[in-house]
N, C-alpha and C. Protein backbone atom coordinates (compact mmCIF):
# COMPACT_ATOMS: atom_id res chain seq x y z
N MET A 1 -13.88 -9.38 -23.37
CA MET A 1 -12.77 -8.94 -22.58
C MET A 1 -11.53 -9.72 -23.00
N THR A 2 -10.40 -9.02 -23.03
CA THR A 2 -9.14 -9.63 -23.43
C THR A 2 -8.64 -10.56 -22.33
N LYS A 3 -8.19 -11.73 -22.74
CA LYS A 3 -7.65 -12.68 -21.78
C LYS A 3 -6.37 -12.12 -21.17
N PRO A 4 -6.09 -12.46 -19.92
CA PRO A 4 -4.83 -12.01 -19.32
C PRO A 4 -3.65 -12.56 -20.10
N ILE A 5 -2.61 -11.79 -20.17
CA ILE A 5 -1.43 -12.22 -20.91
C ILE A 5 -0.62 -13.17 -20.05
N THR A 6 -0.45 -14.36 -20.55
CA THR A 6 0.30 -15.39 -19.84
C THR A 6 1.40 -15.94 -20.73
N TRP A 7 1.93 -15.12 -21.61
CA TRP A 7 2.95 -15.55 -22.54
C TRP A 7 4.10 -14.56 -22.48
N THR A 8 5.25 -14.99 -22.93
CA THR A 8 6.40 -14.10 -23.04
C THR A 8 6.34 -13.48 -24.43
N PRO A 9 5.95 -12.21 -24.50
CA PRO A 9 5.70 -11.60 -25.81
C PRO A 9 6.97 -11.30 -26.59
N ASP A 10 6.93 -11.54 -27.87
CA ASP A 10 7.93 -11.00 -28.78
C ASP A 10 7.15 -10.33 -29.91
N ALA A 11 7.81 -9.52 -30.70
CA ALA A 11 7.13 -8.70 -31.69
C ALA A 11 6.31 -9.53 -32.68
N LYS A 12 6.87 -10.62 -33.17
CA LYS A 12 6.19 -11.44 -34.17
C LYS A 12 4.91 -12.05 -33.60
N ASP A 13 5.00 -12.64 -32.41
CA ASP A 13 3.83 -13.24 -31.78
C ASP A 13 2.78 -12.19 -31.45
N ALA A 14 3.22 -11.03 -30.98
CA ALA A 14 2.28 -9.97 -30.63
C ALA A 14 1.55 -9.45 -31.87
N LEU A 15 2.25 -9.31 -32.99
CA LEU A 15 1.60 -8.87 -34.23
C LEU A 15 0.52 -9.87 -34.66
N LYS A 16 0.85 -11.16 -34.58
CA LYS A 16 -0.15 -12.18 -34.94
C LYS A 16 -1.34 -12.12 -33.99
N ARG A 17 -1.06 -11.92 -32.72
CA ARG A 17 -2.11 -11.90 -31.70
C ARG A 17 -3.08 -10.73 -31.88
N ILE A 18 -2.58 -9.55 -32.30
CA ILE A 18 -3.46 -8.38 -32.40
C ILE A 18 -4.08 -8.20 -33.78
N THR A 19 -3.65 -8.97 -34.76
CA THR A 19 -4.23 -8.86 -36.10
C THR A 19 -5.72 -9.18 -36.05
N GLY A 20 -6.51 -8.29 -36.64
CA GLY A 20 -7.96 -8.48 -36.67
C GLY A 20 -8.68 -7.86 -35.49
N ARG A 21 -7.94 -7.28 -34.56
CA ARG A 21 -8.57 -6.64 -33.41
C ARG A 21 -8.48 -5.13 -33.54
N LEU A 22 -9.34 -4.41 -32.85
CA LEU A 22 -9.32 -2.95 -32.88
C LEU A 22 -8.33 -2.37 -31.87
N PHE A 23 -8.15 -3.04 -30.74
CA PHE A 23 -7.29 -2.53 -29.69
C PHE A 23 -6.37 -3.61 -29.16
N ALA A 24 -5.21 -3.17 -28.64
CA ALA A 24 -4.24 -4.07 -28.04
C ALA A 24 -3.95 -3.62 -26.62
N THR A 25 -3.51 -4.53 -25.80
CA THR A 25 -3.11 -4.18 -24.44
C THR A 25 -1.78 -3.43 -24.48
N VAL A 26 -1.44 -2.81 -23.38
CA VAL A 26 -0.16 -2.11 -23.28
C VAL A 26 0.99 -3.10 -23.46
N THR A 27 0.88 -4.28 -22.91
CA THR A 27 1.94 -5.29 -23.03
C THR A 27 2.12 -5.72 -24.48
N GLU A 28 1.00 -5.92 -25.19
CA GLU A 28 1.09 -6.29 -26.61
C GLU A 28 1.70 -5.16 -27.43
N ALA A 29 1.26 -3.93 -27.17
CA ALA A 29 1.83 -2.78 -27.89
C ALA A 29 3.32 -2.66 -27.61
N ALA A 30 3.71 -2.84 -26.37
CA ALA A 30 5.13 -2.76 -26.01
C ALA A 30 5.96 -3.83 -26.72
N ALA A 31 5.41 -5.02 -26.84
CA ALA A 31 6.13 -6.10 -27.52
C ALA A 31 6.36 -5.75 -28.99
N VAL A 32 5.33 -5.24 -29.65
CA VAL A 32 5.46 -4.88 -31.07
C VAL A 32 6.45 -3.73 -31.24
N LEU A 33 6.37 -2.74 -30.37
CA LEU A 33 7.23 -1.56 -30.46
C LEU A 33 8.62 -1.80 -29.85
N GLU A 34 8.81 -3.01 -29.28
CA GLU A 34 10.08 -3.39 -28.64
C GLU A 34 10.48 -2.40 -27.56
N GLN A 35 9.52 -2.11 -26.69
CA GLN A 35 9.71 -1.21 -25.56
C GLN A 35 9.25 -1.91 -24.29
N ASP A 36 9.62 -1.36 -23.17
CA ASP A 36 9.15 -1.86 -21.88
C ASP A 36 7.70 -1.40 -21.70
N PRO A 37 6.82 -2.23 -21.18
CA PRO A 37 5.43 -1.80 -20.97
C PRO A 37 5.30 -0.54 -20.11
N ARG A 38 6.21 -0.36 -19.16
CA ARG A 38 6.16 0.86 -18.33
C ARG A 38 6.44 2.10 -19.16
N THR A 39 7.34 1.99 -20.14
CA THR A 39 7.64 3.11 -21.02
C THR A 39 6.43 3.45 -21.88
N VAL A 40 5.76 2.43 -22.40
CA VAL A 40 4.56 2.64 -23.22
C VAL A 40 3.46 3.29 -22.37
N ARG A 41 3.28 2.79 -21.16
CA ARG A 41 2.25 3.35 -20.27
C ARG A 41 2.54 4.83 -19.98
N LYS A 42 3.79 5.17 -19.72
CA LYS A 42 4.17 6.57 -19.46
C LYS A 42 3.91 7.43 -20.70
N ALA A 43 4.18 6.90 -21.89
CA ALA A 43 3.94 7.64 -23.13
C ALA A 43 2.44 7.86 -23.35
N ILE A 44 1.63 6.89 -22.97
CA ILE A 44 0.17 7.03 -23.09
C ILE A 44 -0.29 8.14 -22.16
N ILE A 45 0.17 8.12 -20.92
CA ILE A 45 -0.23 9.15 -19.95
C ILE A 45 0.22 10.53 -20.41
N ALA A 46 1.40 10.61 -21.05
CA ALA A 46 1.92 11.88 -21.55
C ALA A 46 1.23 12.33 -22.84
N GLY A 47 0.39 11.47 -23.41
CA GLY A 47 -0.31 11.81 -24.65
C GLY A 47 0.48 11.56 -25.91
N GLU A 48 1.59 10.85 -25.81
CA GLU A 48 2.44 10.56 -26.96
C GLU A 48 1.95 9.35 -27.75
N ILE A 49 1.20 8.48 -27.11
CA ILE A 49 0.63 7.31 -27.76
C ILE A 49 -0.88 7.37 -27.57
N PRO A 50 -1.65 7.23 -28.66
CA PRO A 50 -3.11 7.26 -28.51
C PRO A 50 -3.61 6.01 -27.79
N ALA A 51 -4.56 6.19 -26.91
CA ALA A 51 -5.11 5.04 -26.18
C ALA A 51 -6.45 5.43 -25.58
N VAL A 52 -7.23 4.42 -25.26
CA VAL A 52 -8.49 4.62 -24.53
C VAL A 52 -8.35 3.90 -23.20
N ARG A 53 -9.05 4.42 -22.24
CA ARG A 53 -9.01 3.80 -20.92
C ARG A 53 -10.15 2.79 -20.81
N ALA A 54 -9.84 1.61 -20.34
CA ALA A 54 -10.83 0.56 -20.13
C ALA A 54 -10.71 0.13 -18.67
N GLY A 55 -11.51 0.76 -17.82
CA GLY A 55 -11.40 0.49 -16.39
C GLY A 55 -10.10 1.05 -15.88
N SER A 56 -9.26 0.20 -15.33
CA SER A 56 -7.97 0.67 -14.81
C SER A 56 -6.83 0.41 -15.78
N THR A 57 -7.16 -0.04 -17.00
CA THR A 57 -6.13 -0.34 -17.99
C THR A 57 -6.30 0.53 -19.22
N TYR A 58 -5.30 0.52 -20.07
CA TYR A 58 -5.34 1.25 -21.33
C TYR A 58 -5.34 0.26 -22.48
N ARG A 59 -5.95 0.69 -23.59
CA ARG A 59 -5.94 -0.09 -24.83
C ARG A 59 -5.46 0.83 -25.95
N VAL A 60 -4.54 0.34 -26.75
CA VAL A 60 -3.93 1.10 -27.84
C VAL A 60 -4.55 0.63 -29.15
N PRO A 61 -4.96 1.58 -30.03
CA PRO A 61 -5.53 1.17 -31.32
C PRO A 61 -4.51 0.38 -32.14
N THR A 62 -4.94 -0.76 -32.64
CA THR A 62 -4.01 -1.59 -33.42
C THR A 62 -3.61 -0.91 -34.72
N LYS A 63 -4.48 -0.10 -35.28
CA LYS A 63 -4.14 0.62 -36.51
C LYS A 63 -2.89 1.47 -36.29
N TRP A 64 -2.83 2.16 -35.16
CA TRP A 64 -1.68 2.99 -34.83
C TRP A 64 -0.43 2.12 -34.65
N ILE A 65 -0.59 0.98 -33.98
CA ILE A 65 0.55 0.09 -33.75
C ILE A 65 1.12 -0.41 -35.08
N PHE A 66 0.23 -0.83 -35.99
CA PHE A 66 0.70 -1.32 -37.28
C PHE A 66 1.39 -0.21 -38.08
N GLU A 67 0.87 1.02 -37.99
CA GLU A 67 1.51 2.16 -38.66
C GLU A 67 2.91 2.40 -38.11
N MET A 68 3.05 2.38 -36.78
CA MET A 68 4.34 2.60 -36.15
C MET A 68 5.32 1.48 -36.45
N ALA A 69 4.81 0.26 -36.56
CA ALA A 69 5.65 -0.89 -36.86
C ALA A 69 5.99 -0.98 -38.35
N GLY A 70 5.26 -0.21 -39.18
CA GLY A 70 5.54 -0.20 -40.62
C GLY A 70 5.06 -1.44 -41.35
N VAL A 71 4.01 -2.07 -40.81
CA VAL A 71 3.46 -3.25 -41.47
C VAL A 71 1.97 -3.06 -41.70
N GLY A 72 1.42 -3.83 -42.64
CA GLY A 72 0.00 -3.77 -42.89
C GLY A 72 -0.74 -4.72 -41.97
N GLY A 73 -2.08 -4.73 -42.08
CA GLY A 73 -2.86 -5.67 -41.32
C GLY A 73 -3.65 -5.08 -40.19
N GLY A 74 -3.67 -3.75 -40.09
CA GLY A 74 -4.37 -3.12 -38.99
C GLY A 74 -5.81 -2.81 -39.24
N ASP A 75 -6.37 -3.20 -40.39
CA ASP A 75 -7.77 -2.90 -40.71
C ASP A 75 -8.69 -3.98 -40.19
N ALA A 76 -8.94 -3.95 -38.90
CA ALA A 76 -9.80 -4.96 -38.29
C ALA A 76 -11.26 -4.77 -38.67
N ALA A 77 -11.65 -3.52 -38.90
CA ALA A 77 -13.06 -3.22 -39.19
C ALA A 77 -13.37 -3.34 -40.67
N ALA A 78 -12.37 -3.53 -41.52
CA ALA A 78 -12.60 -3.58 -42.97
C ALA A 78 -13.22 -4.87 -43.41
C-alpha cells in the first residue's frame, strides 16, 4: 500500500517518487502534470485520464504520466 502523502509535491520530486512504480496517486499525478488534484480527479471520473480504482481512491498508470510529461522512465515492469 502506498504511504500517505505528507510532502509538498513538485513535479521533479513527484517524478522521482513514481519512477519504478506501476501506479501513482492522484496527488502525485497532479504534481507531475502541474494541475490541481481535484482537476485530475474530475478528469479521471470523466474518462479523460486512465485510472484504476483502489478502494475509495484512484491510481493513475505511471506509464501514461511519463508519456504526458514527455519524459522516459515509465517502464516499471521492464
